[in-house]
Each structure stands twice: as C-alpha cells, then as structure tokens.
Amino acid sequence: MVNYSQTERTIKRLFENSGGFTFNKKNYKLIIVDKPKTPKGEPKTDIYIRGQANDSSEIEIKISVKQSNTISPLH
C-alpha cells in the first residue's frame, strides 16, 4: 500500500532541517515548506517551497512525486 503521508513528511522534514537550499547555483533561505490542503483524495504528492536569496529575491518551487509503488486502476 502507498503511504503518501510518509513521503510528504520526509520531503518536508528534509527542507525544514536544512533551513535552506541551492537552486541554479543560488542559495536560498527557507521561508516556508508545506503541503497544499485539498478536500479530495490525492493521486500524487505535492510539496511547495518558498525561499529567499541574500538579494531579497524569492523563488517558489513545487515538488511533485508520483509513487512507484502505486497500483494502476486498470490492473
């Protein structure tokens, strides 16, 4: 059985523990990392990240993960 919640928590914790990230050779301080809330079931895992660079520019990144251990409804 797929455990989306565990995957989401793991990804979120990685960013929270680091406090920042590098993207395109630019360092960013983590502003927020969170999971969007939806009223319906979720076919994939999405995590949104916002970071701020030293020059005050900000970046928003969405990480989408499709779990490899899902079972196709056609099977």
PDB file of N, CA and C in Angstrom:
ATOM      1  N   MET A   1       0.838  -1.183   0.000  1.00  0.00           N
ATOM      2  CA  MET A   1       0.000   0.000   0.000  1.00  0.00           C
ATOM      3  C   MET A   1       0.888   1.254   0.000  1.00  0.00           C
ATOM      4  N   VAL A   2       0.469   2.254  -0.720  1.00  0.00           N
ATOM      5  CA  VAL A   2       1.208   3.507  -0.846  1.00  0.00           C
ATOM      6  C   VAL A   2       1.010   4.336   0.415  1.00  0.00           C
ATOM      7  N   ASN A   3       2.088   4.936   0.879  1.00  0.00           N
ATOM      8  CA  ASN A   3       1.994   5.798   2.044  1.00  0.00           C
ATOM      9  C   ASN A   3       2.408   7.210   1.638  1.00  0.00           C
ATOM     10  N   TYR A   4       1.463   7.935   1.038  1.00  0.00           N
ATOM     11  CA  TYR A   4       1.734   9.296   0.592  1.00  0.00           C
ATOM     12  C   TYR A   4       2.138  10.197   1.757  1.00  0.00           C
ATOM     13  N   SER A   5       1.449  10.041   2.876  1.00  0.00           N
ATOM     14  CA  SER A   5       1.716  10.900   4.027  1.00  0.00           C
ATOM     15  C   SER A   5       3.156  10.787   4.487  1.00  0.00           C
ATOM     16  N   GLN A   6       3.689   9.579   4.505  1.00  0.00           N
ATOM     17  CA  GLN A   6       5.078   9.387   4.935  1.00  0.00           C
ATOM     18  C   GLN A   6       6.047  10.062   3.964  1.00  0.00           C
ATOM     19  N   THR A   7       5.798   9.920   2.671  1.00  0.00           N
ATOM     20  CA  THR A   7       6.652  10.562   1.665  1.00  0.00           C
ATOM     21  C   THR A   7       6.613  12.077   1.831  1.00  0.00           C
ATOM     22  N   GLU A   8       5.424  12.629   2.014  1.00  0.00           N
ATOM     23  CA  GLU A   8       5.274  14.071   2.200  1.00  0.00           C
ATOM     24  C   GLU A   8       6.034  14.548   3.433  1.00  0.00           C
ATOM     25  N   ARG A   9       5.877  13.846   4.538  1.00  0.00           N
ATOM     26  CA  ARG A   9       6.565  14.234   5.776  1.00  0.00           C
ATOM     27  C   ARG A   9       8.081  14.176   5.614  1.00  0.00           C
ATOM     28  N   THR A  10       8.568  13.158   4.916  1.00  0.00           N
ATOM     29  CA  THR A  10      10.010  13.010   4.716  1.00  0.00           C
ATOM     30  C   THR A  10      10.575  14.174   3.908  1.00  0.00           C
ATOM     31  N   ILE A  11       9.925  14.508   2.813  1.00  0.00           N
ATOM     32  CA  ILE A  11      10.387  15.620   1.970  1.00  0.00           C
ATOM     33  C   ILE A  11      10.338  16.929   2.756  1.00  0.00           C
ATOM     34  N   LYS A  12       9.236  17.153   3.438  1.00  0.00           N
ATOM     35  CA  LYS A  12       9.076  18.386   4.222  1.00  0.00           C
ATOM     36  C   LYS A  12      10.158  18.499   5.289  1.00  0.00           C
ATOM     37  N   ARG A  13      10.426  17.410   5.999  1.00  0.00           N
ATOM     38  CA  ARG A  13      11.452  17.402   7.048  1.00  0.00           C
ATOM     39  C   ARG A  13      12.845  17.702   6.504  1.00  0.00           C
ATOM     40  N   LEU A  14      13.148  17.176   5.309  1.00  0.00           N
ATOM     41  CA  LEU A  14      14.458  17.439   4.706  1.00  0.00           C
ATOM     42  C   LEU A  14      14.701  18.934   4.552  1.00  0.00           C
ATOM     43  N   PHE A  15      13.694  19.648   4.061  1.00  0.00           N
ATOM     44  CA  PHE A  15      13.842  21.088   3.873  1.00  0.00           C
ATOM     45  C   PHE A  15      13.829  21.831   5.206  1.00  0.00           C
ATOM     46  N   GLU A  16      12.948  21.431   6.116  1.00  0.00           N
ATOM     47  CA  GLU A  16      12.883  22.088   7.420  1.00  0.00           C
ATOM     48  C   GLU A  16      14.198  21.944   8.179  1.00  0.00           C
ATOM     49  N   ASN A  17      14.792  20.770   8.135  1.00  0.00           N
ATOM     50  CA  ASN A  17      16.044  20.522   8.847  1.00  0.00           C
ATOM     51  C   ASN A  17      17.221  21.286   8.252  1.00  0.00           C
ATOM     52  N   SER A  18      17.187  21.500   6.944  1.00  0.00           N
ATOM     53  CA  SER A  18      18.310  22.196   6.302  1.00  0.00           C
ATOM     54  C   SER A  18      18.210  23.708   6.467  1.00  0.00           C
ATOM     55  N   GLY A  19      16.994  24.240   6.522  1.00  0.00           N
ATOM     56  CA  GLY A  19      16.807  25.678   6.671  1.00  0.00           C
ATOM     57  C   GLY A  19      17.050  26.465   5.398  1.00  0.00           C
ATOM     58  N   GLY A  20      17.430  25.785   4.332  1.00  0.00           N
ATOM     59  CA  GLY A  20      17.679  26.462   3.067  1.00  0.00           C
ATOM     60  C   GLY A  20      17.993  25.469   1.972  1.00  0.00           C
ATOM     61  N   PHE A  21      18.229  26.005   0.776  1.00  0.00           N
ATOM     62  CA  PHE A  21      18.517  25.153  -0.373  1.00  0.00           C
ATOM     63  C   PHE A  21      19.251  25.962  -1.433  1.00  0.00           C
ATOM     64  N   THR A  22      19.832  25.272  -2.370  1.00  0.00           N
ATOM     65  CA  THR A  22      20.515  25.894  -3.505  1.00  0.00           C
ATOM     66  C   THR A  22      19.779  25.523  -4.775  1.00  0.00           C
ATOM     67  N   PHE A  23      19.522  26.517  -5.612  1.00  0.00           N
ATOM     68  CA  PHE A  23      18.857  26.292  -6.884  1.00  0.00           C
ATOM     69  C   PHE A  23      19.542  27.159  -7.931  1.00  0.00           C
ATOM     70  N   ASN A  24      19.959  26.552  -9.036  1.00  0.00           N
ATOM     71  CA  ASN A  24      20.691  27.264 -10.094  1.00  0.00           C
ATOM     72  C   ASN A  24      21.867  28.068  -9.532  1.00  0.00           C
ATOM     73  N   LYS A  25      22.632  27.419  -8.669  1.00  0.00           N
ATOM     74  CA  LYS A  25      23.853  27.992  -8.078  1.00  0.00           C
ATOM     75  C   LYS A  25      23.586  29.218  -7.207  1.00  0.00           C
ATOM     76  N   LYS A  26      22.351  29.372  -6.732  1.00  0.00           N
ATOM     77  CA  LYS A  26      21.995  30.481  -5.866  1.00  0.00           C
ATOM     78  C   LYS A  26      21.441  29.909  -4.563  1.00  0.00           C
ATOM     79  N   ASN A  27      21.926  30.421  -3.432  1.00  0.00           N
ATOM     80  CA  ASN A  27      21.487  29.930  -2.133  1.00  0.00           C
ATOM     81  C   ASN A  27      20.235  30.667  -1.673  1.00  0.00           C
ATOM     82  N   TYR A  28      19.306  29.911  -1.093  1.00  0.00           N
ATOM     83  CA  TYR A  28      18.053  30.464  -0.604  1.00  0.00           C
ATOM     84  C   TYR A  28      17.824  30.043   0.841  1.00  0.00           C
ATOM     85  N   LYS A  29      17.336  30.972   1.634  1.00  0.00           N
ATOM     86  CA  LYS A  29      16.897  30.685   2.996  1.00  0.00           C
ATOM     87  C   LYS A  29      15.445  30.219   2.898  1.00  0.00           C
ATOM     88  N   LEU A  30      15.119  29.157   3.589  1.00  0.00           N
ATOM     89  CA  LEU A  30      13.767  28.619   3.559  1.00  0.00           C
ATOM     90  C   LEU A  30      12.800  29.565   4.255  1.00  0.00           C
ATOM     91  N   ILE A  31      11.744  29.942   3.543  1.00  0.00           N
ATOM     92  CA  ILE A  31      10.683  30.754   4.131  1.00  0.00           C
ATOM     93  C   ILE A  31       9.549  29.844   4.581  1.00  0.00           C
ATOM     94  N   ILE A  32       9.145  28.939   3.692  1.00  0.00           N
ATOM     95  CA  ILE A  32       8.064  28.018   4.031  1.00  0.00           C
ATOM     96  C   ILE A  32       8.181  26.750   3.187  1.00  0.00           C
ATOM     97  N   VAL A  33       7.802  25.654   3.774  1.00  0.00           N
ATOM     98  CA  VAL A  33       7.640  24.391   3.051  1.00  0.00           C
ATOM     99  C   VAL A  33       6.348  23.794   3.591  1.00  0.00           C
ATOM    100  N   ASP A  34       5.424  23.480   2.691  1.00  0.00           N
ATOM    101  CA  ASP A  34       4.130  22.994   3.151  1.00  0.00           C
ATOM    102  C   ASP A  34       3.445  22.145   2.105  1.00  0.00           C
ATOM    103  N   LYS A  35       2.461  21.442   2.540  1.00  0.00           N
ATOM    104  CA  LYS A  35       1.635  20.579   1.705  1.00  0.00           C
ATOM    105  C   LYS A  35       0.312  21.294   1.482  1.00  0.00           C
ATOM    106  N   PRO A  36      -0.107  21.465   0.223  1.00  0.00           N
ATOM    107  CA  PRO A  36      -1.403  22.098  -0.014  1.00  0.00           C
ATOM    108  C   PRO A  36      -2.534  21.204   0.510  1.00  0.00           C
ATOM    109  N   LYS A  37      -3.563  21.827   1.022  1.00  0.00           N
ATOM    110  CA  LYS A  37      -4.708  21.081   1.547  1.00  0.00           C
ATOM    111  C   LYS A  37      -5.793  20.993   0.469  1.00  0.00           C
ATOM    112  N   THR A  38      -6.304  19.788   0.239  1.00  0.00           N
ATOM    113  CA  THR A  38      -7.369  19.594  -0.740  1.00  0.00           C
ATOM    114  C   THR A  38      -8.493  18.782  -0.114  1.00  0.00           C
ATOM    115  N   PRO A  39      -9.726  19.019  -0.553  1.00  0.00           N
ATOM    116  CA  PRO A  39     -10.861  18.291   0.019  1.00  0.00           C
ATOM    117  C   PRO A  39     -11.001  16.856  -0.508  1.00  0.00           C
ATOM    118  N   LYS A  40     -10.339  16.555  -1.613  1.00  0.00           N
ATOM    119  CA  LYS A  40     -10.470  15.230  -2.226  1.00  0.00           C
ATOM    120  C   LYS A  40      -9.169  14.446  -2.110  1.00  0.00           C
ATOM    121  N   GLY A  41      -9.221  13.191  -2.488  1.00  0.00           N
ATOM    122  CA  GLY A  41      -8.030  12.341  -2.495  1.00  0.00           C
ATOM    123  C   GLY A  41      -6.967  12.886  -3.428  1.00  0.00           C
ATOM    124  N   GLU A  42      -5.737  12.462  -3.217  1.00  0.00           N
ATOM    125  CA  GLU A  42      -4.622  12.984  -3.991  1.00  0.00           C
ATOM    126  C   GLU A  42      -3.914  11.860  -4.738  1.00  0.00           C
ATOM    127  N   PRO A  43      -3.804  11.951  -6.051  1.00  0.00           N
ATOM    128  CA  PRO A  43      -3.125  10.916  -6.820  1.00  0.00           C
ATOM    129  C   PRO A  43      -1.607  11.026  -6.759  1.00  0.00           C
ATOM    130  N   LYS A  44      -1.085  12.172  -6.310  1.00  0.00           N
ATOM    131  CA  LYS A  44       0.362  12.338  -6.208  1.00  0.00           C
ATOM    132  C   LYS A  44       0.686  13.254  -5.052  1.00  0.00           C
ATOM    133  N   THR A  45       1.928  13.321  -4.717  1.00  0.00           N
ATOM    134  CA  THR A  45       2.383  14.126  -3.595  1.00  0.00           C
ATOM    135  C   THR A  45       2.947  15.440  -4.121  1.00  0.00           C
ATOM    136  N   ASP A  46       2.469  16.540  -3.582  1.00  0.00           N
ATOM    137  CA  ASP A  46       2.983  17.863  -3.927  1.00  0.00           C
ATOM    138  C   ASP A  46       3.455  18.555  -2.665  1.00  0.00           C
ATOM    139  N   ILE A  47       4.633  19.141  -2.747  1.00  0.00           N
ATOM    140  CA  ILE A  47       5.177  19.946  -1.667  1.00  0.00           C
ATOM    141  C   ILE A  47       5.580  21.293  -2.275  1.00  0.00           C
ATOM    142  N   TYR A  48       5.172  22.376  -1.640  1.00  0.00           N
ATOM    143  CA  TYR A  48       5.519  23.709  -2.112  1.00  0.00           C
ATOM    144  C   TYR A  48       6.582  24.309  -1.199  1.00  0.00           C
ATOM    145  N   ILE A  49       7.561  24.956  -1.832  1.00  0.00           N
ATOM    146  CA  ILE A  49       8.694  25.527  -1.102  1.00  0.00           C
ATOM    147  C   ILE A  49       8.876  26.969  -1.559  1.00  0.00           C
ATOM    148  N   ARG A  50       9.111  27.855  -0.606  1.00  0.00           N
ATOM    149  CA  ARG A  50       9.437  29.243  -0.938  1.00  0.00           C
ATOM    150  C   ARG A  50      10.737  29.580  -0.230  1.00  0.00           C
ATOM    151  N   GLY A  51      11.636  30.204  -0.979  1.00  0.00           N
ATOM    152  CA  GLY A  51      12.917  30.595  -0.411  1.00  0.00           C
ATOM    153  C   GLY A  51      13.263  32.018  -0.788  1.00  0.00           C
ATOM    154  N   GLN A  52      14.156  32.620   0.010  1.00  0.00           N
ATOM    155  CA  GLN A  52      14.596  33.981  -0.254  1.00  0.00           C
ATOM    156  C   GLN A  52      16.120  34.016  -0.304  1.00  0.00           C
ATOM    157  N   ALA A  53      16.638  34.655  -1.349  1.00  0.00           N
ATOM    158  CA  ALA A  53      18.085  34.799  -1.527  1.00  0.00           C
ATOM    159  C   ALA A  53      18.594  36.016  -0.765  1.00  0.00           C
ATOM    160  N   ASN A  54      19.906  36.142  -0.674  1.00  0.00           N
ATOM    161  CA  ASN A  54      20.518  37.287   0.017  1.00  0.00           C
ATOM    162  C   ASN A  54      20.141  38.620  -0.621  1.00  0.00           C
ATOM    163  N   ASP A  55      19.861  38.608  -1.926  1.00  0.00           N
ATOM    164  CA  ASP A  55      19.487  39.849  -2.613  1.00  0.00           C
ATOM    165  C   ASP A  55      17.985  40.129  -2.501  1.00  0.00           C
ATOM    166  N   SER A  56      17.294  39.416  -1.621  1.00  0.00           N
ATOM    167  CA  SER A  56      15.856  39.552  -1.337  1.00  0.00           C
ATOM    168  C   SER A  56      14.950  38.984  -2.426  1.00  0.00           C
ATOM    169  N   SER A  57      15.529  38.440  -3.494  1.00  0.00           N
ATOM    170  CA  SER A  57      14.676  37.800  -4.495  1.00  0.00           C
ATOM    171  C   SER A  57      14.118  36.506  -3.907  1.00  0.00           C
ATOM    172  N   GLU A  58      12.916  36.140  -4.337  1.00  0.00           N
ATOM    173  CA  GLU A  58      12.272  34.941  -3.835  1.00  0.00           C
ATOM    174  C   GLU A  58      12.016  33.962  -4.966  1.00  0.00           C
ATOM    175  N   ILE A  59      11.893  32.701  -4.584  1.00  0.00           N
ATOM    176  CA  ILE A  59      11.595  31.655  -5.545  1.00  0.00           C
ATOM    177  C   ILE A  59      10.557  30.726  -4.919  1.00  0.00           C
ATOM    178  N   GLU A  60       9.647  30.228  -5.741  1.00  0.00           N
ATOM    179  CA  GLU A  60       8.681  29.227  -5.307  1.00  0.00           C
ATOM    180  C   GLU A  60       8.877  27.984  -6.164  1.00  0.00           C
ATOM    181  N   ILE A  61       8.927  26.850  -5.502  1.00  0.00           N
ATOM    182  CA  ILE A  61       9.161  25.577  -6.187  1.00  0.00           C
ATOM    183  C   ILE A  61       8.074  24.596  -5.772  1.00  0.00           C
ATOM    184  N   LYS A  62       7.587  23.833  -6.721  1.00  0.00           N
ATOM    185  CA  LYS A  62       6.642  22.768  -6.424  1.00  0.00           C
ATOM    186  C   LYS A  62       7.320  21.438  -6.728  1.00  0.00           C
ATOM    187  N   ILE A  63       7.314  20.548  -5.769  1.00  0.00           N
ATOM    188  CA  ILE A  63       7.858  19.209  -5.967  1.00  0.00           C
ATOM    189  C   ILE A  63       6.682  18.252  -6.058  1.00  0.00           C
ATOM    190  N   SER A  64       6.576  17.562  -7.180  1.00  0.00           N
ATOM    191  CA  SER A  64       5.531  16.556  -7.371  1.00  0.00           C
ATOM    192  C   SER A  64       6.185  15.188  -7.431  1.00  0.00           C
ATOM    193  N   VAL A  65       5.647  14.276  -6.657  1.00  0.00           N
ATOM    194  CA  VAL A  65       6.191  12.925  -6.610  1.00  0.00           C
ATOM    195  C   VAL A  65       5.082  11.945  -6.945  1.00  0.00           C
ATOM    196  N   LYS A  66       5.323  11.130  -7.946  1.00  0.00           N
ATOM    197  CA  LYS A  66       4.393  10.045  -8.255  1.00  0.00           C
ATOM    198  C   LYS A  66       5.040   8.776  -7.725  1.00  0.00           C
ATOM    199  N   GLN A  67       4.398   8.150  -6.790  1.00  0.00           N
ATOM    200  CA  GLN A  67       4.976   6.991  -6.130  1.00  0.00           C
ATOM    201  C   GLN A  67       5.030   5.792  -7.077  1.00  0.00           C
ATOM    202  N   SER A  68       6.161   5.118  -7.078  1.00  0.00           N
ATOM    203  CA  SER A  68       6.358   3.983  -7.977  1.00  0.00           C
ATOM    204  C   SER A  68       5.635   2.741  -7.511  1.00  0.00           C
ATOM    205  N   ASN A  69       5.171   2.718  -6.276  1.00  0.00           N
ATOM    206  CA  ASN A  69       4.504   1.515  -5.779  1.00  0.00           C
ATOM    207  C   ASN A  69       2.986   1.633  -5.812  1.00  0.00           C
ATOM    208  N   THR A  70       2.475   2.527  -6.672  1.00  0.00           N
ATOM    209  CA  THR A  70       1.027   2.635  -6.800  1.00  0.00           C
ATOM    210  C   THR A  70       0.503   1.522  -7.680  1.00  0.00           C
ATOM    211  N   ILE A  71      -0.745   1.179  -7.508  1.00  0.00           N
ATOM    212  CA  ILE A  71      -1.375   0.139  -8.308  1.00  0.00           C
ATOM    213  C   ILE A  71      -2.316   0.817  -9.299  1.00  0.00           C
ATOM    214  N   SER A  72      -2.124   0.526 -10.569  1.00  0.00           N
ATOM    215  CA  SER A  72      -2.967   1.106 -11.598  1.00  0.00           C
ATOM    216  C   SER A  72      -4.388   0.592 -11.472  1.00  0.00           C
ATOM    217  N   PRO A  73      -5.389   1.485 -11.647  1.00  0.00           N
ATOM    218  CA  PRO A  73      -6.781   1.025 -11.554  1.00  0.00           C
ATOM    219  C   PRO A  73      -7.165   0.091 -12.692  1.00  0.00           C
ATOM    220  N   LEU A  74      -6.327  -0.005 -13.704  1.00  0.00           N
ATOM    221  CA  LEU A  74      -6.620  -0.896 -14.832  1.00  0.00           C
ATOM    222  C   LEU A  74      -6.188  -2.327 -14.575  1.00  0.00           C
ATOM    223  N   HIS A  75      -5.472  -2.568 -13.494  1.00  0.00           N
ATOM    224  CA  HIS A  75      -4.993  -3.912 -13.180  1.00  0.00           C
ATOM    225  C   HIS A  75      -5.879  -4.601 -12.188  1.00  0.00           C
TER     226      HIS A  75
END
